[in-house]
Each structure stands twice: as structure tokens, then as C-alpha cells.
Amino acid sequence: MKNQKFSNIYDLLDTKPKNISQLLGEFGEYVYRFYCRQQQLECKITKYLRADVVIFYNTERHFVDVKTSISNAGPYTGDKPQKKYDYAYDQVFINKDFIKIYPDENSLLKQYTNDNNEIVIDNTNDQYQKYKKYLIGPSEPKYITNSEKTRDEIRNKIEQIFINKNLKCRILERGQVSEDGWGKLKPPFNVPGKKSLYQKFDYNMLINFKDIAFDKEEVKEIYLFKTSLIGNQIKLIEPVSNLIKKRNIKALIDYDDFKKNNSEYYFTSLDFFYNFIETI
């Protein structure tokens, strides 16, 4: 986040802005990567399946979900949904004087802990000043997984097909982690989004992906929304989530009605979808 307006860590911790979790989370991830590199561990930023950092060690990729806290000085004890993929859940504890990293039992950082099973980094504000300089420097390259590469290929192909037809299409993508995050509100209840945005396009579409193995996805379903039909032939419903209402989104796609009354715009394979849009 480039707009870290706090000049030092003391102001940030004392002020406690509404987005303090996000601000400290990004700072904690920076400190974590900085420490890894101090130990000669090659690492990169990633945002695949809730991971924040990937460490490359002995030709293998080790994915880490970095948790940051100002209250829990100890190992992370919350949910660990990606343990099935051998993720490490490493916690970064921050206060005004020092930072502590508490590695998970399967973490590569476990080898660097002291007798209290923690890694201590002195002078939090010194780290924060380095972080502020990092934010105004060149963006750090992210690690792109095979699944993300496949999504890019699909997105680029679809965009080119619509461009060749002199049409504008907005493409929304959701992975299984994103969809699971909606809980009882499945499928994603923030589509089509703000009217001022989706009306800029001739078509809006949602691609839902599903995991079939680690770092391997396939298309689960595709919804194609012709913008001129949204609110008419494509039925909308009122938001049921306060989270969505706060985003000033007034109406959402009724997915059940869409699949029933607009079945020609609903697809369960890429091949069917490609064949259809060639006829538009």
C-alpha cells in the first residue's frame, strides 16, 4: 500500500486507524520477506490460495500465509485451511519496541528460532522506516503460479475475441478460495457491481474456477451478461449482505433465475463458451 501516511510506527499504533489490520498486515509481510532474505532464503510475494510469500528451497516451493498481530505474542492458532497443501502459518507479532516471528511447526524459519521458539527483531520503528522507503521504490515482482498463468491466457483470448468484434467485455474471475469465502452467500454476491462501472461495457462476465490439484484449476462455470439485458431479462435482486450495501451496490445477479431463463448465456466448459461468442 503506497499511501502509508504515518511517519513512524508509534503514530500508527497509537492512532489505530480503521484499516490498521491491512496496514500492519502489509508491514508484517515486508518484515517477513526481509528476514528471509537476510537468511539467504529466496522468496517472492504471491497471492495464490491465500498465501502471502513463497520461499524457494532445494528446488521446492514453500507457501506461507503470514499472519500479523499486535495482541497475540505467540504462534498462530486460527484456522489453517491450506494445511492440506503443507502451507506454513507463520505469525508476526508487532509492538512499538520489537517484532517477533513465530514460525509454524513446518516452517523453514523454524531453524532460526531461539530457545523460546521465536525470532526477535529489535527496533520496530527502524524496520518501519525501511518499509516506507521500500514503498516509494520500484514495485517488487510477484511470483506467478501456473494457475495464474492459465487464467491470463484465458482472459487474453476472450478479450481478443471481443476486440475483434468491436465489443468491450469486462471479465470477472473467482477461484475456489474466493467462492468459499462467501460462505452462505455462494455464489459471489457482488456481481455485476456498480452500475456506473458495468454499463461501460457491452458484456460483463463471471468465470468461476475450481481446484483440481494444487496450482491447477479448471473452469467450473461461466456467466455471460449482455449489459443491455441487465435489470430486464437478467433479473436482479437486492443485496442481503451489509458488506455489499456499504459498497454502494444496489442490485445483484439472481443466479438461479439466470440459469433458468438465460441458459444460453450459461456455460460449464470453455469450448462451449468459445463456440457461442463466435456467433455474437
Protein backbone atom coordinates (compact mmCIF):
# COMPACT_ATOMS: atom_id res chain seq x y z
CA MET A 1 0.00 0.00 0.00
CA LYS A 2 1.68 3.17 -1.24
CA ASN A 3 -0.27 5.60 0.97
CA GLN A 4 1.27 4.83 4.36
CA LYS A 5 0.68 8.31 5.79
CA PHE A 6 2.16 7.58 9.24
CA SER A 7 5.70 8.86 9.69
CA ASN A 8 6.60 6.28 12.33
CA ILE A 9 5.33 3.09 13.91
CA TYR A 10 4.40 4.88 17.12
CA ASP A 11 1.84 7.09 15.38
CA LEU A 12 0.37 4.11 13.55
CA LEU A 13 -0.04 2.01 16.68
CA ASP A 14 -1.33 4.93 18.79
CA THR A 15 -3.80 6.22 16.18
CA LYS A 16 -5.21 2.80 15.29
CA PRO A 17 -6.93 3.80 12.01
CA LYS A 18 -9.86 1.72 10.73
CA ASN A 19 -7.60 -0.06 8.25
CA ILE A 20 -4.85 -0.80 10.77
CA SER A 21 -5.14 -4.55 10.12
CA GLN A 22 -4.36 -4.04 6.45
CA LEU A 23 -1.56 -1.54 7.12
CA LEU A 24 0.11 -3.77 9.70
CA GLY A 25 -0.51 -6.89 7.62
CA GLU A 26 1.44 -5.48 4.69
CA PHE A 27 4.18 -4.23 7.00
CA GLY A 28 4.38 -7.65 8.66
CA GLU A 29 4.72 -9.37 5.28
CA TYR A 30 7.52 -6.99 4.33
CA VAL A 31 9.38 -7.73 7.58
CA TYR A 32 8.93 -11.45 6.99
CA ARG A 33 10.38 -11.28 3.46
CA PHE A 34 13.21 -9.03 4.68
CA TYR A 35 14.16 -11.56 7.34
CA CYS A 36 14.02 -14.48 4.89
CA ARG A 37 16.44 -12.69 2.59
CA GLN A 38 18.75 -11.94 5.50
CA GLN A 39 18.97 -15.71 5.96
CA GLN A 40 19.72 -16.17 2.24
CA LEU A 41 16.28 -17.67 1.59
CA GLU A 42 14.97 -16.74 -1.84
CA CYS A 43 11.36 -15.61 -1.61
CA LYS A 44 8.71 -13.70 -3.52
CA ILE A 45 5.30 -12.17 -2.96
CA THR A 46 2.39 -14.35 -4.00
CA LYS A 47 -1.38 -14.16 -3.59
CA TYR A 48 -2.21 -17.71 -4.58
CA LEU A 49 -4.74 -19.57 -2.40
CA ARG A 50 -4.34 -17.09 0.47
CA ALA A 51 -0.55 -17.40 0.58
CA ASP A 52 1.46 -14.20 1.01
CA VAL A 53 5.01 -15.45 0.47
CA VAL A 54 6.57 -18.33 -1.42
CA ILE A 55 10.05 -19.49 -0.41
CA PHE A 56 12.20 -21.43 -2.86
CA TYR A 57 14.32 -24.05 -1.13
CA ASN A 58 16.03 -27.16 -2.54
CA THR A 59 14.06 -26.89 -5.82
CA GLU A 60 10.75 -26.85 -3.91
CA ARG A 61 8.18 -24.10 -3.33
CA HIS A 62 7.10 -23.46 0.26
CA PHE A 63 3.97 -21.34 0.56
CA VAL A 64 3.43 -19.22 3.67
CA ASP A 65 0.33 -17.45 4.95
CA VAL A 66 1.85 -14.63 7.02
CA LYS A 67 -0.35 -13.56 9.91
CA THR A 68 0.28 -10.25 11.67
CA SER A 69 -0.90 -9.42 15.18
CA ILE A 70 -0.48 -6.71 17.81
CA SER A 71 -2.19 -8.76 20.51
CA ASN A 72 -1.14 -12.40 20.16
CA ALA A 73 2.52 -12.86 21.08
CA GLY A 74 2.71 -16.49 20.13
CA PRO A 75 2.13 -18.99 17.33
CA TYR A 76 -0.91 -18.56 15.10
CA THR A 77 -3.85 -20.54 16.49
CA GLY A 78 -6.61 -19.66 14.00
CA ASP A 79 -7.95 -21.60 11.05
CA LYS A 80 -5.40 -23.15 8.70
CA PRO A 81 -7.45 -24.19 5.65
CA GLN A 82 -4.44 -24.70 3.37
CA LYS A 83 -2.63 -27.14 5.62
CA LYS A 84 -3.69 -29.80 3.10
CA TYR A 85 -1.14 -28.18 0.78
CA ASP A 86 1.51 -28.05 3.54
CA TYR A 87 1.27 -24.28 3.96
CA ALA A 88 3.11 -22.74 6.89
CA TYR A 89 1.13 -20.27 9.01
CA ASP A 90 3.81 -18.01 10.45
CA GLN A 91 2.80 -15.22 12.80
CA VAL A 92 4.46 -11.81 13.02
CA PHE A 93 3.87 -10.04 16.32
CA ILE A 94 4.42 -6.27 16.35
CA ASN A 95 4.75 -3.78 19.18
CA LYS A 96 6.50 -0.42 19.45
CA ASP A 97 9.84 -1.85 20.56
CA PHE A 98 10.36 -5.14 18.76
CA ILE A 99 8.95 -7.63 16.29
CA LYS A 100 8.72 -11.37 16.84
CA ILE A 101 8.17 -14.08 14.26
CA TYR A 102 6.58 -17.31 15.45
CA PRO A 103 7.16 -19.99 12.80
CA ASP A 104 4.69 -22.81 12.26
CA GLU A 105 5.87 -26.36 13.00
CA ASN A 106 6.54 -26.98 9.28
CA SER A 107 8.06 -23.55 8.58
CA LEU A 108 11.50 -23.15 7.03
CA LEU A 109 12.13 -20.40 9.59
CA LYS A 110 11.85 -22.90 12.45
CA GLN A 111 15.61 -23.47 12.23
CA TYR A 112 16.31 -19.83 13.17
CA THR A 113 14.29 -19.60 16.38
CA ASN A 114 15.69 -19.05 19.87
CA ASP A 115 15.02 -21.20 22.93
CA ASN A 116 11.52 -19.68 23.16
CA ASN A 117 10.69 -20.82 19.61
CA GLU A 118 10.63 -17.24 18.38
CA ILE A 119 12.66 -14.92 16.17
CA VAL A 120 13.25 -11.48 17.68
CA ILE A 121 13.85 -8.40 15.53
CA ASP A 122 14.76 -5.31 17.53
CA ASN A 123 13.72 -1.71 16.83
CA THR A 124 10.32 -1.85 15.17
CA ASN A 125 10.46 1.75 14.01
CA ASP A 126 13.76 1.16 12.22
CA GLN A 127 12.07 -1.61 10.26
CA TYR A 128 9.10 0.66 9.59
CA GLN A 129 11.36 3.39 8.15
CA LYS A 130 12.94 0.84 5.80
CA TYR A 131 9.44 -0.24 4.82
CA LYS A 132 8.40 3.33 3.98
CA LYS A 133 11.44 3.68 1.67
CA TYR A 134 10.56 0.33 0.11
CA LEU A 135 7.02 1.58 -0.66
CA ILE A 136 8.25 4.50 -2.77
CA GLY A 137 10.72 2.36 -4.67
CA PRO A 138 10.12 0.08 -7.68
CA SER A 139 7.33 -2.45 -7.23
CA GLU A 140 8.56 -5.86 -6.14
CA PRO A 141 7.84 -8.56 -8.76
CA LYS A 142 5.30 -11.17 -7.71
CA TYR A 143 5.55 -14.91 -8.19
CA ILE A 144 3.06 -16.06 -10.81
CA THR A 145 1.77 -19.59 -10.35
CA ASN A 146 0.79 -21.95 -13.16
CA SER A 147 -2.88 -21.40 -12.34
CA GLU A 148 -2.47 -17.64 -12.65
CA LYS A 149 -0.68 -18.06 -15.99
CA THR A 150 -3.57 -20.18 -17.26
CA ARG A 151 -6.07 -17.53 -16.15
CA ASP A 152 -4.09 -14.87 -18.01
CA GLU A 153 -4.12 -16.96 -21.18
CA ILE A 154 -7.88 -17.47 -20.98
CA ARG A 155 -8.53 -13.79 -20.21
CA ASN A 156 -6.33 -12.60 -23.07
CA LYS A 157 -8.01 -14.93 -25.55
CA ILE A 158 -11.51 -13.82 -24.54
CA GLU A 159 -10.57 -10.14 -24.62
CA GLN A 160 -9.12 -10.52 -28.12
CA ILE A 161 -12.26 -12.24 -29.43
CA PHE A 162 -14.43 -9.36 -28.21
CA ILE A 163 -11.98 -6.75 -29.51
CA ASN A 164 -12.13 -8.38 -32.95
CA LYS A 165 -15.89 -7.88 -32.83
CA ASN A 166 -15.54 -4.24 -31.73
CA LEU A 167 -17.12 -5.09 -28.39
CA LYS A 168 -15.99 -4.33 -24.84
CA CYS A 169 -16.17 -7.10 -22.25
CA ARG A 170 -15.42 -6.88 -18.54
CA ILE A 171 -14.13 -10.17 -17.16
CA LEU A 172 -14.54 -11.12 -13.50
CA GLU A 173 -12.77 -14.18 -12.12
CA ARG A 174 -13.34 -16.12 -8.94
CA GLY A 175 -11.31 -19.05 -7.66
CA GLN A 176 -12.47 -21.69 -5.24
CA VAL A 177 -10.94 -19.86 -2.27
CA SER A 178 -12.76 -16.67 -3.22
CA GLU A 179 -16.04 -18.51 -3.68
CA ASP A 180 -15.67 -20.41 -0.40
CA GLY A 181 -15.11 -17.09 1.33
CA TRP A 182 -18.71 -16.07 0.58
CA GLY A 183 -19.98 -18.82 2.87
CA LYS A 184 -23.76 -18.90 2.87
CA LEU A 185 -23.79 -16.20 0.19
CA LYS A 186 -22.45 -18.53 -2.53
CA PRO A 187 -22.04 -17.88 -5.38
CA PRO A 188 -20.20 -14.50 -5.26
CA PHE A 189 -22.76 -11.86 -4.31
CA ASN A 190 -21.06 -8.74 -5.64
CA VAL A 191 -21.85 -9.13 -9.35
CA PRO A 192 -22.41 -7.21 -11.59
CA GLY A 193 -21.06 -4.47 -9.28
CA LYS A 194 -21.71 -0.75 -9.52
CA LYS A 195 -23.99 0.28 -12.36
CA SER A 196 -21.66 3.12 -13.33
CA LEU A 197 -18.95 0.52 -13.94
CA TYR A 198 -20.69 -2.39 -15.65
CA GLN A 199 -22.58 -0.12 -18.04
CA LYS A 200 -19.27 0.94 -19.61
CA PHE A 201 -19.09 -2.47 -21.30
CA ASP A 202 -21.18 -4.28 -23.90
CA TYR A 203 -20.81 -7.51 -21.93
CA ASN A 204 -19.84 -8.44 -18.39
CA MET A 205 -18.89 -11.98 -17.50
CA LEU A 206 -18.03 -14.08 -14.46
CA ILE A 207 -15.72 -17.10 -14.66
CA ASN A 208 -15.73 -19.40 -11.63
CA PHE A 209 -12.73 -21.72 -11.33
CA LYS A 210 -12.38 -24.84 -9.22
CA ASP A 211 -9.27 -26.52 -7.84
CA ILE A 212 -8.46 -29.96 -9.23
CA ALA A 213 -4.97 -30.17 -7.70
CA PHE A 214 -2.51 -27.80 -6.08
CA ASP A 215 -1.70 -25.00 -8.52
CA LYS A 216 -4.06 -26.48 -11.09
CA GLU A 217 -7.54 -25.15 -11.84
CA GLU A 218 -10.23 -25.69 -14.40
CA VAL A 219 -13.28 -23.69 -15.36
CA LYS A 220 -16.31 -24.60 -13.27
CA GLU A 221 -18.85 -22.30 -14.91
CA ILE A 222 -19.18 -19.13 -16.94
CA TYR A 223 -21.92 -16.50 -16.79
CA LEU A 224 -22.13 -14.08 -19.72
CA PHE A 225 -24.20 -10.96 -19.07
CA LYS A 226 -25.24 -8.81 -22.01
CA THR A 227 -25.30 -5.39 -20.40
CA SER A 228 -28.42 -4.18 -22.19
CA LEU A 229 -30.35 -7.08 -20.61
CA ILE A 230 -29.24 -6.49 -17.01
CA GLY A 231 -32.24 -5.47 -14.94
CA ASN A 232 -34.69 -6.65 -17.61
CA GLN A 233 -34.26 -10.15 -18.99
CA ILE A 234 -31.46 -10.67 -16.48
CA LYS A 235 -33.15 -10.47 -13.10
CA LEU A 236 -31.54 -8.54 -10.26
CA ILE A 237 -32.15 -8.89 -6.54
CA GLU A 238 -31.43 -6.62 -3.57
CA PRO A 239 -28.21 -7.21 -1.58
CA VAL A 240 -28.59 -9.24 1.58
CA SER A 241 -25.12 -8.52 2.93
CA ASN A 242 -24.26 -5.28 4.73
CA LEU A 243 -20.75 -5.62 3.29
CA ILE A 244 -22.16 -5.30 -0.23
CA LYS A 245 -24.54 -2.49 0.72
CA LYS A 246 -21.64 -0.45 2.07
CA ARG A 247 -20.01 -0.65 -1.37
CA ASN A 248 -22.97 1.22 -2.83
CA ILE A 249 -24.01 -1.79 -4.91
CA LYS A 250 -27.79 -1.58 -5.28
CA ALA A 251 -28.62 -4.83 -7.07
CA LEU A 252 -27.10 -8.25 -7.72
CA ILE A 253 -27.48 -11.06 -10.23
CA ASP A 254 -30.08 -13.68 -9.37
CA TYR A 255 -28.03 -16.71 -10.39
CA ASP A 256 -30.81 -19.27 -10.11
CA ASP A 257 -33.13 -17.20 -12.29
CA PHE A 258 -30.30 -16.54 -14.74
CA LYS A 259 -29.57 -20.23 -15.29
CA LYS A 260 -33.29 -20.89 -15.72
CA ASN A 261 -34.24 -18.03 -18.06
CA ASN A 262 -30.92 -17.20 -19.72
CA SER A 263 -29.49 -20.68 -20.10
CA GLU A 264 -27.96 -19.83 -23.49
CA TYR A 265 -25.60 -17.47 -21.64
CA TYR A 266 -24.54 -20.04 -19.04
CA PHE A 267 -21.65 -22.42 -19.77
CA THR A 268 -19.89 -25.24 -17.98
CA SER A 269 -16.95 -25.53 -20.36
CA LEU A 270 -14.64 -23.15 -22.19
CA ASP A 271 -15.23 -24.86 -25.53
CA PHE A 272 -19.00 -24.26 -25.36
CA PHE A 273 -18.34 -20.65 -24.42
CA TYR A 274 -15.85 -20.05 -27.24
CA ASN A 275 -18.23 -21.57 -29.78
CA PHE A 276 -21.03 -19.32 -28.58
CA ILE A 277 -19.20 -15.99 -28.57
CA GLU A 278 -18.00 -16.58 -32.12
CA THR A 279 -21.67 -16.29 -33.12
CA ILE A 280 -22.26 -12.94 -31.41
